[in-house]
N, C-alpha and C. Protein backbone atom coordinates (compact mmCIF):
# COMPACT_ATOMS: atom_id res chain seq x y z
N UNK A 1 113.42 122.96 39.50
CA UNK A 1 112.09 122.50 39.83
C UNK A 1 112.07 121.04 40.25
N UNK A 2 112.97 120.26 39.67
CA UNK A 2 113.00 118.84 40.00
C UNK A 2 113.24 118.59 41.47
N UNK A 3 114.10 119.37 42.10
CA UNK A 3 114.38 119.16 43.51
C UNK A 3 113.19 119.57 44.37
N UNK A 4 112.40 120.53 43.91
CA UNK A 4 111.20 120.94 44.64
C UNK A 4 110.19 119.80 44.69
N UNK A 5 109.98 119.16 43.56
CA UNK A 5 109.04 118.03 43.52
C UNK A 5 109.55 116.84 44.36
N UNK A 6 110.86 116.62 44.32
CA UNK A 6 111.43 115.55 45.14
C UNK A 6 111.22 115.85 46.63
N UNK A 7 111.40 117.10 47.01
CA UNK A 7 111.19 117.48 48.41
C UNK A 7 109.72 117.29 48.80
N UNK A 8 108.81 117.70 47.94
CA UNK A 8 107.38 117.52 48.21
C UNK A 8 107.02 116.04 48.33
N UNK A 9 107.57 115.20 47.45
CA UNK A 9 107.31 113.76 47.51
C UNK A 9 107.87 113.17 48.80
N UNK A 10 109.04 113.61 49.24
CA UNK A 10 109.64 113.12 50.48
C UNK A 10 108.77 113.51 51.68
N UNK A 11 108.30 114.74 51.68
CA UNK A 11 107.43 115.19 52.77
C UNK A 11 106.11 114.42 52.78
N UNK A 12 105.57 114.17 51.59
CA UNK A 12 104.33 113.41 51.50
C UNK A 12 104.53 111.98 52.01
N UNK A 13 105.64 111.37 51.66
CA UNK A 13 105.93 110.01 52.13
C UNK A 13 106.09 110.00 53.65
N UNK A 14 106.77 111.00 54.19
CA UNK A 14 106.94 111.07 55.65
C UNK A 14 105.58 111.27 56.34
N UNK A 15 104.72 112.09 55.75
CA UNK A 15 103.39 112.30 56.32
C UNK A 15 102.58 111.01 56.29
N UNK A 16 102.69 110.25 55.20
CA UNK A 16 101.97 108.97 55.12
C UNK A 16 102.42 108.01 56.23
N UNK A 17 103.72 107.97 56.46
CA UNK A 17 104.26 107.10 57.52
C UNK A 17 103.71 107.53 58.87
N UNK A 18 103.69 108.82 59.13
CA UNK A 18 103.15 109.31 60.41
C UNK A 18 101.67 108.97 60.54
N UNK A 19 100.91 109.12 59.47
CA UNK A 19 99.48 108.79 59.51
C UNK A 19 99.29 107.31 59.81
N UNK A 20 100.06 106.45 59.19
CA UNK A 20 99.96 105.01 59.46
C UNK A 20 100.30 104.70 60.91
N UNK A 21 101.33 105.37 61.45
CA UNK A 21 101.69 105.17 62.86
C UNK A 21 100.55 105.62 63.78
N UNK A 22 99.94 106.76 63.45
CA UNK A 22 98.82 107.26 64.25
C UNK A 22 97.62 106.32 64.18
N UNK A 23 97.39 105.73 63.00
CA UNK A 23 96.27 104.80 62.87
C UNK A 23 96.49 103.56 63.74
N UNK A 24 97.70 103.06 63.79
CA UNK A 24 98.02 101.92 64.65
C UNK A 24 97.81 102.29 66.11
N UNK A 25 98.30 103.47 66.49
CA UNK A 25 98.13 103.94 67.87
C UNK A 25 96.65 104.14 68.20
N UNK A 26 95.90 104.69 67.27
CA UNK A 26 94.46 104.89 67.48
C UNK A 26 93.74 103.56 67.68
N UNK A 27 94.10 102.56 66.90
CA UNK A 27 93.50 101.23 67.07
C UNK A 27 93.79 100.66 68.46
N UNK A 28 95.02 100.85 68.94
CA UNK A 28 95.38 100.35 70.27
C UNK A 28 94.60 101.08 71.36
N UNK A 29 94.48 102.38 71.24
CA UNK A 29 93.73 103.16 72.23
C UNK A 29 92.26 102.79 72.19
N UNK A 30 91.71 102.62 71.00
CA UNK A 30 90.30 102.23 70.87
C UNK A 30 90.04 100.88 71.53
N UNK A 31 90.97 99.95 71.37
CA UNK A 31 90.82 98.64 72.00
C UNK A 31 90.84 98.77 73.52
N UNK A 32 91.73 99.60 74.05
CA UNK A 32 91.80 99.81 75.49
C UNK A 32 90.51 100.45 76.00
N UNK A 33 89.98 101.41 75.27
CA UNK A 33 88.73 102.04 75.68
C UNK A 33 87.58 101.05 75.65
N UNK A 34 87.57 100.19 74.66
CA UNK A 34 86.53 99.16 74.59
C UNK A 34 86.59 98.25 75.79
N UNK A 35 87.79 97.85 76.19
CA UNK A 35 87.94 97.01 77.37
C UNK A 35 87.51 97.74 78.63
N UNK A 36 87.87 99.02 78.72
CA UNK A 36 87.48 99.80 79.89
C UNK A 36 85.96 99.93 79.98
N UNK A 37 85.30 100.12 78.83
CA UNK A 37 83.84 100.22 78.82
C UNK A 37 83.20 98.91 79.26
N UNK A 38 83.74 97.79 78.79
CA UNK A 38 83.20 96.49 79.19
C UNK A 38 83.40 96.26 80.69
N UNK A 39 84.57 96.62 81.20
CA UNK A 39 84.85 96.45 82.62
C UNK A 39 83.90 97.31 83.46
N UNK A 40 83.68 98.55 83.02
CA UNK A 40 82.77 99.44 83.73
C UNK A 40 81.34 98.90 83.70
N UNK A 41 80.92 98.39 82.55
CA UNK A 41 79.58 97.81 82.45
C UNK A 41 79.43 96.61 83.38
N UNK A 42 80.44 95.76 83.44
CA UNK A 42 80.40 94.59 84.32
C UNK A 42 80.31 95.02 85.78
N UNK A 43 81.10 96.01 86.16
CA UNK A 43 81.06 96.50 87.54
C UNK A 43 79.70 97.11 87.87
N UNK A 44 79.13 97.85 86.94
CA UNK A 44 77.82 98.46 87.16
C UNK A 44 76.75 97.40 87.33
N UNK A 45 76.78 96.38 86.49
CA UNK A 45 75.80 95.30 86.60
C UNK A 45 75.95 94.59 87.95
N UNK A 46 77.17 94.37 88.38
CA UNK A 46 77.40 93.72 89.67
C UNK A 46 76.85 94.57 90.81
N UNK A 47 77.03 95.89 90.73
CA UNK A 47 76.49 96.77 91.77
C UNK A 47 74.97 96.73 91.80
N UNK A 48 74.34 96.78 90.63
CA UNK A 48 72.88 96.75 90.57
C UNK A 48 72.35 95.42 91.08
N UNK A 49 73.00 94.33 90.67
CA UNK A 49 72.56 93.02 91.16
C UNK A 49 72.69 92.92 92.66
N UNK A 50 73.76 93.48 93.21
CA UNK A 50 73.95 93.46 94.66
C UNK A 50 72.84 94.21 95.37
N UNK A 51 72.39 95.31 94.78
CA UNK A 51 71.30 96.09 95.37
C UNK A 51 69.97 95.35 95.30
N UNK A 52 69.80 94.51 94.30
CA UNK A 52 68.53 93.83 94.10
C UNK A 52 68.50 92.43 94.72
N UNK A 53 69.57 92.00 95.33
CA UNK A 53 69.64 90.67 95.93
C UNK A 53 68.69 90.61 97.13
N UNK A 54 67.81 89.58 97.21
CA UNK A 54 66.84 89.50 98.30
C UNK A 54 67.47 89.36 99.69
N UNK A 55 68.63 88.76 99.80
CA UNK A 55 69.23 88.51 101.11
C UNK A 55 69.82 89.77 101.72
N UNK A 56 70.13 90.75 100.91
CA UNK A 56 70.76 91.96 101.43
C UNK A 56 69.95 93.17 101.02
N UNK A 57 70.17 94.22 101.72
CA UNK A 57 69.56 95.49 101.31
C UNK A 57 70.67 96.52 101.25
N UNK A 58 70.56 97.40 100.29
CA UNK A 58 71.56 98.45 100.14
C UNK A 58 71.07 99.68 100.86
N UNK A 59 71.91 100.23 101.71
CA UNK A 59 71.55 101.43 102.45
C UNK A 59 72.48 102.54 101.99
N UNK A 60 71.90 103.65 101.63
CA UNK A 60 72.68 104.80 101.23
C UNK A 60 72.75 105.77 102.40
N UNK A 61 73.96 106.24 102.68
CA UNK A 61 74.13 107.20 103.77
C UNK A 61 74.81 108.45 103.23
N UNK A 62 74.53 109.58 103.87
CA UNK A 62 75.19 110.82 103.46
C UNK A 62 76.53 110.95 104.17
N UNK A 63 77.19 112.08 103.97
CA UNK A 63 78.53 112.29 104.53
C UNK A 63 78.53 112.25 106.05
N UNK A 64 77.39 112.61 106.68
CA UNK A 64 77.31 112.62 108.14
C UNK A 64 76.94 111.25 108.69
N UNK A 65 76.74 110.28 107.81
CA UNK A 65 76.39 108.94 108.25
C UNK A 65 74.90 108.72 108.45
N UNK A 66 74.08 109.68 108.01
CA UNK A 66 72.63 109.54 108.14
C UNK A 66 72.10 108.65 107.03
N UNK A 67 71.16 107.81 107.35
CA UNK A 67 70.57 106.88 106.40
C UNK A 67 69.61 107.65 105.49
N UNK A 68 69.80 107.51 104.18
CA UNK A 68 68.97 108.22 103.22
C UNK A 68 67.86 107.35 102.66
N UNK A 69 68.19 106.13 102.30
CA UNK A 69 67.17 105.22 101.77
C UNK A 69 67.64 103.79 101.93
N UNK A 70 66.72 102.89 101.84
CA UNK A 70 67.04 101.48 101.90
C UNK A 70 66.35 100.83 100.71
N UNK A 71 67.07 99.99 100.01
CA UNK A 71 66.44 99.30 98.90
C UNK A 71 66.64 97.80 99.10
N UNK A 72 65.66 97.05 98.75
CA UNK A 72 65.75 95.60 98.86
C UNK A 72 64.85 94.95 97.84
N UNK A 73 64.52 93.74 98.01
CA UNK A 73 63.69 93.00 97.07
C UNK A 73 62.26 92.98 97.54
N UNK A 74 61.23 93.08 96.78
CA UNK A 74 61.29 93.45 95.37
C UNK A 74 61.38 94.96 95.22
N UNK A 75 61.94 95.37 94.14
CA UNK A 75 62.05 96.79 93.86
C UNK A 75 61.33 97.06 92.56
N UNK A 76 60.44 97.99 92.57
CA UNK A 76 59.69 98.32 91.36
C UNK A 76 60.33 99.53 90.68
N UNK A 77 60.52 99.39 89.40
CA UNK A 77 61.10 100.48 88.62
C UNK A 77 59.96 101.38 88.14
N UNK A 78 60.17 102.65 88.12
CA UNK A 78 59.16 103.59 87.67
C UNK A 78 59.58 104.17 86.33
N UNK A 79 58.64 104.25 85.44
CA UNK A 79 58.88 104.81 84.12
C UNK A 79 58.75 106.32 84.14
N UNK A 80 58.90 106.96 82.98
CA UNK A 80 58.81 108.41 82.90
C UNK A 80 57.44 108.95 83.36
N UNK A 81 56.39 108.13 83.23
CA UNK A 81 55.06 108.58 83.63
C UNK A 81 54.87 108.52 85.13
N UNK A 82 55.81 107.86 85.83
CA UNK A 82 55.69 107.72 87.27
C UNK A 82 54.99 106.44 87.68
N UNK A 83 54.48 105.71 86.68
CA UNK A 83 53.80 104.45 86.97
C UNK A 83 54.81 103.34 87.10
N UNK A 84 54.46 102.33 87.88
CA UNK A 84 55.32 101.18 88.07
C UNK A 84 55.35 100.37 86.80
N UNK A 85 56.54 99.85 86.46
CA UNK A 85 56.67 99.05 85.25
C UNK A 85 56.32 97.59 85.50
N UNK A 86 56.10 97.22 86.77
CA UNK A 86 55.73 95.85 87.08
C UNK A 86 56.89 94.93 87.24
N UNK A 87 58.10 95.45 87.24
CA UNK A 87 59.29 94.61 87.41
C UNK A 87 59.41 94.13 88.83
């Protein structure tokens, strides 16, 4: 029986080591995802600001090159009720 308990303890110790390694790896991946989210947020803000800049207007075109809409300054945002928010 003694060797059985020793084997179980060895397996438990090995599992603990693997869990610790996974936790370190998870922390690294989480940090990378956090950076990716910040980068994406920054890019999105830059795109929105570019669309709202008074000197330029953003034109959206479809695959055939047809103009779909033009946005420029000022742009009013509409809420869920359909009313202008006054922005």
